[in-house]
Amino acid sequence: MLLCIKLLRMTIHKEGRKLLFTLLIVLTTINWMLAVFVPVKSDFQYLVLGFSIAFFIATLQFFRNPSVKANYEDNQVIAPADGKVVVVEETTEGEYFNDKRIQVSIFMSPINVHINRSPVSGTVTLFKYHPGRYHVAWNPKSSMNNERTTMVLRMLSGTEVLVRQIAGAMARRIKWYIEEGSGVGQGQEFGFIKFGSRVDVFLPTDAVLKVSPGTKTKAGKTVLAEFT
């Protein structure tokens, strides 16, 4: 009963509506054909029906679009994705900054909400899409070899934060809703990655970290770091 109530209250993201409608038609057709051409009920029919329902619900929850309400602060960096922090380290960012930065990487499993939200308010000074491979998202090579996007946000203070969407072994489609020169508010939705992926955030080395490897994050809510 609780699951049914949650499903009824669930808002579906626009990226999933066409897919879910098509999936519903396909699964309904398969089960209808089994009922028509195999009139005698069998364990196989019940197995297919059960799998169909479970698969549809799993896909439905993947595309859920929960409302996010948080009190944002200009000096905070908010998590751009639901998931788990898998990397917190000082590294050299070689695509844009070409200097030392703190990298925070969030891995999104298929059961996480895959909406990406801006970690800070600012102006998009750079946006690039890179076609690439599909290594598993936690593979270090995925950061520069996989299909990905790179977005640089310049805050009012002049501080720049780089955000990178990275496709994984299952994720084969990255969507974005911003362009260079546009303004983005903290917590605002800027993209979506389908089926398992990763988001990297590159911060100045003087940022005060609020997370560590293993921290569970909520997009638009969890504070990754603060600027003093």
Foldseek 3Di string as FASTA:
>chain_A
DVLVVCLVPFDFAPVCPVVLVVLVVVLVVVLVVCCVVVVDDDPVSVVSVVVSVVVSVLSRQQRTDDDDDDDDDQFFFAFFFFAFWADWDWDQDDPPPRGIWTKTKGKDASNTHFWTFGRHWAFWADKDWDDAPAAAAVPPCQQPGHGKMWTWGQGPVRFIKIKMWTHHNPWDDKFFDDDHGDTHHGLHTGIGIHHITMMMMIGHPQWAADDDGGDGHHRSYHTGTGHD
